[in-house]
Amino acid sequence: MFLQHWWMDAVCDDWDVAIARKGDHVTGVWPYARTQRMGVSLMRNPRLTPYLGPHVFIPADVKESSRDSFEYEAIAELMSAMPNEKVWHLSLQPAFRQAGIFKEHGLQLQVQQTFLIDLAKDEATLFSHLKESLRRNIRTAEKEITITNEPQYLPQLYEFQKHTLSAKDVQQPYTLAQMQQIYDAAAAHNSAALWVAKAGTEVQAIIWNVWDAERSYYFMGAKNPATDNYRAMAALLWHAILQARQRGNTCFDLEGSMDPGVERFFRGFGGTRQLYIILRKNTSLLWKLKEMVRG
């Protein structure tokens, strides 16, 4: 999803792609964006892009015993083609395991976590894997709320999130215009929905769902701060999971959080905890000073 050219066009002004080849065949790609801050060139995920990093195209006829070597060689070529910026902060895709080669290039490795739900299971099994309190909330919510896809409510999602972040003394790191640009690009490729939960005419909560051919993602969401309907978010996520399964997606990615409350909520959906790599480097004295002041 996040490696698509149209996604990169929507989230950043300047991007390029490293390409690995074997003969006439492309074996790997790595889209990247570079930004300038305080005269320092940075390599990091563009705004509202949770995962980036390399993707390797492994031919079907490659033997299982040779797959790791094929992937390693492609990543090595991609790394050689990447710009040598002084500051890196890149979140890779979940389940990417070629860690050693990055350390060889002087990058530090950290980890973050998400929860992945296997959509190959039938609906009854998926529901049985939910935490009991979530099952109760979803059953109750089905009698109280309606859920529809209404993209025109994107400004409300922006305001709901702004309120939530302000309560945590966190400044919203993106604008409504940036959100709209991304939504329009994803919707144009039939890859987005804005699921809105209402009780009567009052909006209770909203989630933004995006997807590609294989994986569906909980992209962002928020509850209406003027209501106390804590069941709406659970119902919305369950609805998005079922929609993803009906579309033929194989996995639902909750884009997990290290925040204890959010992590606990996501954990209740019965997914598998999956770690993903964050590549970091900082050889800029100016940026080190900035991080010391900020920290």
Protein backbone atom coordinates (compact mmCIF):
# COMPACT_ATOMS: atom_id res chain seq x y z
CA MET A 1 0.00 0.00 0.00
CA PHE A 2 2.50 2.57 1.18
CA LEU A 3 5.07 1.78 -1.53
CA GLN A 4 2.68 2.71 -4.35
CA HIS A 5 3.74 5.63 -6.54
CA TRP A 6 0.40 7.38 -6.06
CA TRP A 7 0.75 7.11 -2.27
CA MET A 8 4.21 8.66 -2.38
CA ASP A 9 2.91 11.43 -4.65
CA ALA A 10 0.20 12.18 -2.09
CA VAL A 11 2.37 12.22 1.05
CA CYS A 12 5.54 14.01 -0.05
CA ASP A 13 6.77 16.58 -2.54
CA ASP A 14 10.08 14.95 -3.40
CA TRP A 15 10.66 11.22 -3.61
CA ASP A 16 12.69 8.75 -5.56
CA VAL A 17 13.19 4.99 -5.67
CA ALA A 18 16.22 2.73 -5.47
CA ILE A 19 16.02 -0.26 -7.83
CA ALA A 20 17.83 -3.60 -7.71
CA ARG A 21 18.19 -5.66 -10.89
CA LYS A 22 19.40 -9.09 -11.88
CA GLY A 23 19.92 -9.10 -15.60
CA ASP A 24 16.81 -7.60 -17.19
CA HIS A 25 14.63 -8.30 -14.16
CA VAL A 26 13.87 -5.94 -11.29
CA THR A 27 14.49 -7.82 -8.05
CA GLY A 28 13.68 -5.09 -5.54
CA VAL A 29 12.53 -1.50 -5.03
CA TRP A 30 12.86 0.96 -2.18
CA PRO A 31 10.90 4.21 -2.44
CA TYR A 32 12.26 6.96 -0.22
CA ALA A 33 11.70 10.61 0.58
CA ARG A 34 14.27 13.15 1.66
CA THR A 35 13.54 16.31 3.60
CA GLN A 36 15.63 19.25 4.79
CA ARG A 37 15.40 20.62 8.32
CA MET A 38 17.80 23.23 9.72
CA GLY A 39 20.13 22.50 6.81
CA VAL A 40 20.22 18.79 7.66
CA SER A 41 19.11 16.22 5.08
CA LEU A 42 16.82 13.62 6.63
CA MET A 43 15.66 10.18 5.49
CA ARG A 44 12.40 9.29 7.20
CA ASN A 45 8.89 8.09 6.57
CA PRO A 46 6.73 10.75 4.95
CA ARG A 47 3.84 12.14 6.96
CA LEU A 48 1.06 9.65 7.65
CA THR A 49 3.04 6.73 6.22
CA PRO A 50 3.47 4.07 8.91
CA TYR A 51 5.63 1.69 6.86
CA LEU A 52 8.15 2.15 4.09
CA GLY A 53 11.38 0.37 3.26
CA PRO A 54 12.41 -2.19 0.65
CA HIS A 55 10.30 -4.71 -1.21
CA VAL A 56 11.88 -7.72 -2.89
CA PHE A 57 10.31 -9.57 -5.83
CA ILE A 58 11.22 -13.22 -5.33
CA PRO A 59 10.50 -15.32 -8.46
CA ALA A 60 8.26 -18.34 -7.98
CA ASP A 61 10.97 -20.67 -9.28
CA VAL A 62 13.52 -19.71 -6.59
CA LYS A 63 14.10 -22.68 -4.28
CA GLU A 64 13.11 -22.27 -0.65
CA SER A 65 16.73 -22.82 0.38
CA SER A 66 17.80 -19.91 -1.84
CA ARG A 67 15.10 -17.38 -0.92
CA ASP A 68 17.02 -15.77 1.94
CA SER A 69 20.17 -15.34 -0.18
CA PHE A 70 18.13 -13.88 -3.05
CA GLU A 71 16.51 -11.40 -0.67
CA TYR A 72 19.82 -10.50 0.96
CA GLU A 73 21.47 -9.78 -2.40
CA ALA A 74 18.59 -7.59 -3.51
CA ILE A 75 18.64 -5.61 -0.24
CA ALA A 76 22.42 -5.20 -0.49
CA GLU A 77 22.04 -3.70 -3.95
CA LEU A 78 19.23 -1.43 -2.79
CA MET A 79 21.29 -0.21 0.18
CA SER A 80 24.14 0.67 -2.17
CA ALA A 81 21.72 2.76 -4.23
CA MET A 82 20.22 4.63 -1.27
CA PRO A 83 21.40 8.18 -0.50
CA ASN A 84 23.89 8.38 2.37
CA GLU A 85 21.97 10.86 4.51
CA LYS A 86 23.29 11.75 7.94
CA VAL A 87 19.95 11.19 9.67
CA TRP A 88 17.70 8.17 9.19
CA HIS A 89 14.43 7.28 10.90
CA LEU A 90 12.59 4.74 8.77
CA SER A 91 9.90 2.29 9.86
CA LEU A 92 9.97 -0.84 7.72
CA GLN A 93 7.15 -3.22 6.91
CA PRO A 94 6.14 -5.85 9.49
CA ALA A 95 7.77 -9.29 9.18
CA PHE A 96 10.80 -7.91 7.33
CA ARG A 97 13.71 -9.87 8.81
CA GLN A 98 16.87 -8.88 6.94
CA ALA A 99 18.33 -7.03 9.90
CA GLY A 100 22.03 -7.83 9.71
CA ILE A 101 22.73 -6.01 6.49
CA PHE A 102 21.50 -2.72 7.96
CA LYS A 103 23.91 -2.96 10.89
CA GLU A 104 26.69 -3.56 8.38
CA HIS A 105 25.83 -0.14 6.92
CA GLY A 106 26.03 1.62 10.28
CA LEU A 107 22.31 1.78 11.02
CA GLN A 108 20.84 1.22 14.46
CA LEU A 109 17.84 -1.08 14.77
CA GLN A 110 14.86 -0.48 17.03
CA VAL A 111 11.52 -2.26 17.06
CA GLN A 112 7.88 -1.26 17.18
CA GLN A 113 4.85 -3.53 17.31
CA THR A 114 1.56 -4.07 15.57
CA PHE A 115 -1.20 -6.68 15.68
CA LEU A 116 -2.11 -8.69 12.60
CA ILE A 117 -5.42 -10.50 12.21
CA ASP A 118 -5.51 -13.54 9.91
CA LEU A 119 -8.56 -13.11 7.68
CA ALA A 120 -8.43 -16.68 6.39
CA LYS A 121 -10.49 -17.65 9.44
CA ASP A 122 -14.28 -17.62 9.17
CA GLU A 123 -16.35 -14.87 10.79
CA ALA A 124 -17.45 -16.98 13.75
CA THR A 125 -13.87 -17.90 14.57
CA LEU A 126 -12.69 -14.31 14.28
CA PHE A 127 -15.47 -13.19 16.60
CA SER A 128 -14.69 -15.94 19.11
CA HIS A 129 -11.09 -14.69 19.29
CA LEU A 130 -12.21 -11.25 20.46
CA LYS A 131 -11.98 -10.40 24.12
CA GLU A 132 -15.31 -11.09 25.83
CA SER A 133 -15.88 -7.43 26.73
CA LEU A 134 -15.37 -6.47 23.08
CA ARG A 135 -17.88 -9.08 21.96
CA ARG A 136 -20.45 -7.67 24.40
CA ASN A 137 -19.77 -4.11 23.27
CA ILE A 138 -20.08 -5.02 19.60
CA ARG A 139 -23.35 -6.89 20.13
CA THR A 140 -24.77 -3.92 22.06
CA ALA A 141 -23.49 -1.41 19.50
CA GLU A 142 -25.22 -3.27 16.68
CA LYS A 143 -28.55 -2.34 18.32
CA GLU A 144 -27.58 1.30 18.93
CA ILE A 145 -25.59 2.54 15.97
CA THR A 146 -25.40 2.46 12.18
CA ILE A 147 -22.11 2.29 10.27
CA THR A 148 -21.72 3.83 6.81
CA ASN A 149 -18.90 4.90 4.52
CA GLU A 150 -19.08 8.72 4.45
CA PRO A 151 -15.89 10.43 3.22
CA GLN A 152 -17.41 13.87 3.78
CA TYR A 153 -16.82 13.40 7.52
CA LEU A 154 -13.03 13.66 7.18
CA PRO A 155 -13.02 17.18 8.74
CA GLN A 156 -14.82 15.77 11.78
CA LEU A 157 -12.22 13.03 12.14
CA TYR A 158 -9.54 15.73 12.01
CA GLU A 159 -11.25 17.69 14.79
CA PHE A 160 -11.84 14.58 16.93
CA GLN A 161 -8.16 13.66 16.67
CA LYS A 162 -7.10 17.23 17.38
CA HIS A 163 -9.09 17.15 20.62
CA THR A 164 -7.60 13.78 21.63
CA LEU A 165 -4.03 14.93 20.98
CA SER A 166 -4.57 18.25 22.74
CA ALA A 167 -5.68 16.38 25.85
CA LYS A 168 -2.29 14.65 25.79
CA ASP A 169 -0.51 17.97 25.17
CA VAL A 170 0.54 16.78 21.70
CA GLN A 171 0.39 19.02 18.64
CA GLN A 172 -1.32 17.57 15.57
CA PRO A 173 1.51 16.80 13.11
CA TYR A 174 -0.54 17.12 9.92
CA THR A 175 -3.20 19.37 8.43
CA LEU A 176 -6.69 18.62 7.20
CA ALA A 177 -5.53 19.49 3.67
CA GLN A 178 -2.81 16.82 3.90
CA MET A 179 -5.34 14.26 5.14
CA GLN A 180 -7.70 15.14 2.31
CA GLN A 181 -4.96 14.79 -0.30
CA ILE A 182 -4.12 11.29 0.91
CA TYR A 183 -7.75 10.25 1.18
CA ASP A 184 -8.54 11.45 -2.33
CA ALA A 185 -5.55 9.56 -3.76
CA ALA A 186 -6.49 6.33 -1.98
CA ALA A 187 -10.17 6.65 -2.88
CA ALA A 188 -9.25 7.20 -6.53
CA HIS A 189 -7.58 3.77 -6.43
CA ASN A 190 -10.51 2.15 -4.59
CA SER A 191 -8.34 1.74 -1.50
CA ALA A 192 -10.02 3.76 1.24
CA ALA A 193 -13.17 4.09 3.31
CA LEU A 194 -14.19 6.42 6.11
CA TRP A 195 -16.41 4.36 8.39
CA VAL A 196 -18.74 6.55 10.47
CA ALA A 197 -20.71 5.26 13.46
CA LYS A 198 -23.88 7.19 14.28
CA ALA A 199 -26.54 6.95 16.95
CA GLY A 200 -29.47 8.55 15.18
CA THR A 201 -27.88 11.54 13.47
CA GLU A 202 -25.07 12.07 15.99
CA VAL A 203 -21.60 10.85 15.04
CA GLN A 204 -20.12 8.63 17.75
CA ALA A 205 -16.74 7.74 16.21
CA ILE A 206 -14.92 7.55 12.88
CA ILE A 207 -12.16 5.33 11.53
CA TRP A 208 -10.19 5.64 8.31
CA ASN A 209 -9.49 2.30 6.66
CA VAL A 210 -7.06 1.78 3.75
CA TRP A 211 -6.10 -1.39 1.90
CA ASP A 212 -4.21 -3.00 -0.95
CA ALA A 213 -4.77 -6.33 -2.67
CA GLU A 214 -3.57 -8.35 0.34
CA ARG A 215 -3.68 -6.30 3.51
CA SER A 216 -6.19 -3.95 5.11
CA TYR A 217 -5.06 -1.30 7.61
CA TYR A 218 -6.63 0.61 10.46
CA PHE A 219 -5.14 3.92 9.36
CA MET A 220 -6.51 6.28 12.00
CA GLY A 221 -9.61 6.90 14.05
CA ALA A 222 -11.12 8.87 16.90
CA LYS A 223 -14.17 9.04 19.14
CA ASN A 224 -16.43 12.07 19.30
CA PRO A 225 -15.30 13.84 22.51
CA ALA A 226 -18.86 15.07 23.06
CA THR A 227 -20.21 11.54 23.48
CA ASP A 228 -19.49 8.74 25.93
CA ASN A 229 -20.18 5.85 23.54
CA TYR A 230 -17.10 3.72 24.15
CA ARG A 231 -18.61 0.86 22.14
CA ALA A 232 -18.49 2.67 18.80
CA MET A 233 -14.75 2.22 18.17
CA ALA A 234 -14.95 -1.52 18.81
CA ALA A 235 -17.91 -1.82 16.45
CA LEU A 236 -16.16 0.22 13.76
CA LEU A 237 -13.02 -1.91 13.87
CA TRP A 238 -15.03 -5.12 13.76
CA HIS A 239 -16.95 -3.75 10.77
CA ALA A 240 -13.69 -2.87 8.99
CA ILE A 241 -12.31 -6.35 9.69
CA LEU A 242 -15.39 -8.00 8.18
CA GLN A 243 -15.29 -5.69 5.15
CA ALA A 244 -11.64 -6.57 4.59
CA ARG A 245 -12.44 -10.28 4.74
CA GLN A 246 -15.28 -9.85 2.23
CA ARG A 247 -12.96 -7.95 -0.12
CA GLY A 248 -10.57 -10.89 -0.10
CA ASN A 249 -7.82 -9.30 1.98
CA THR A 250 -5.71 -11.90 3.80
CA CYS A 251 -4.67 -9.78 6.79
CA PHE A 252 -5.92 -6.86 8.87
CA ASP A 253 -3.17 -4.69 10.34
CA LEU A 254 -4.17 -2.74 13.44
CA GLU A 255 -0.99 -0.63 13.22
CA GLY A 256 -0.35 -1.26 16.89
CA SER A 257 0.87 1.26 19.39
CA MET A 258 3.36 1.25 22.25
CA ASP A 259 0.85 3.36 24.22
CA PRO A 260 -0.35 0.97 26.97
CA GLY A 261 -4.04 1.88 26.63
CA VAL A 262 -4.13 1.61 22.86
CA GLU A 263 -2.04 -1.57 22.94
CA ARG A 264 -4.45 -3.16 25.40
CA PHE A 265 -7.45 -2.26 23.23
CA PHE A 266 -5.87 -3.67 20.06
CA ARG A 267 -4.72 -6.80 21.86
CA GLY A 268 -8.34 -7.60 22.60
CA PHE A 269 -9.06 -8.25 18.93
CA GLY A 270 -7.15 -11.52 19.00
CA GLY A 271 -4.47 -10.68 16.46
CA THR A 272 -0.89 -11.88 16.45
CA ARG A 273 1.70 -9.49 17.85
CA GLN A 274 4.23 -8.68 15.12
CA LEU A 275 7.39 -6.62 15.49
CA TYR A 276 8.76 -4.38 12.79
CA ILE A 277 12.13 -2.71 12.38
CA ILE A 278 12.92 0.98 12.70
CA LEU A 279 16.21 2.02 11.08
CA ARG A 280 17.98 4.90 12.80
CA LYS A 281 21.16 6.86 12.26
CA ASN A 282 22.34 10.27 13.36
CA THR A 283 25.81 11.48 12.40
CA SER A 284 24.80 15.17 12.31
CA LEU A 285 26.08 17.20 15.26
CA LEU A 286 23.38 19.81 14.67
CA TRP A 287 20.61 17.20 14.72
CA LYS A 288 22.08 15.55 17.81
CA LEU A 289 21.91 18.91 19.58
CA LYS A 290 18.32 19.35 18.43
CA GLU A 291 17.34 15.94 19.80
CA MET A 292 19.09 16.68 23.11
CA VAL A 293 17.11 19.91 23.47
CA ARG A 294 13.85 18.21 22.47
CA GLY A 295 14.50 15.24 24.76
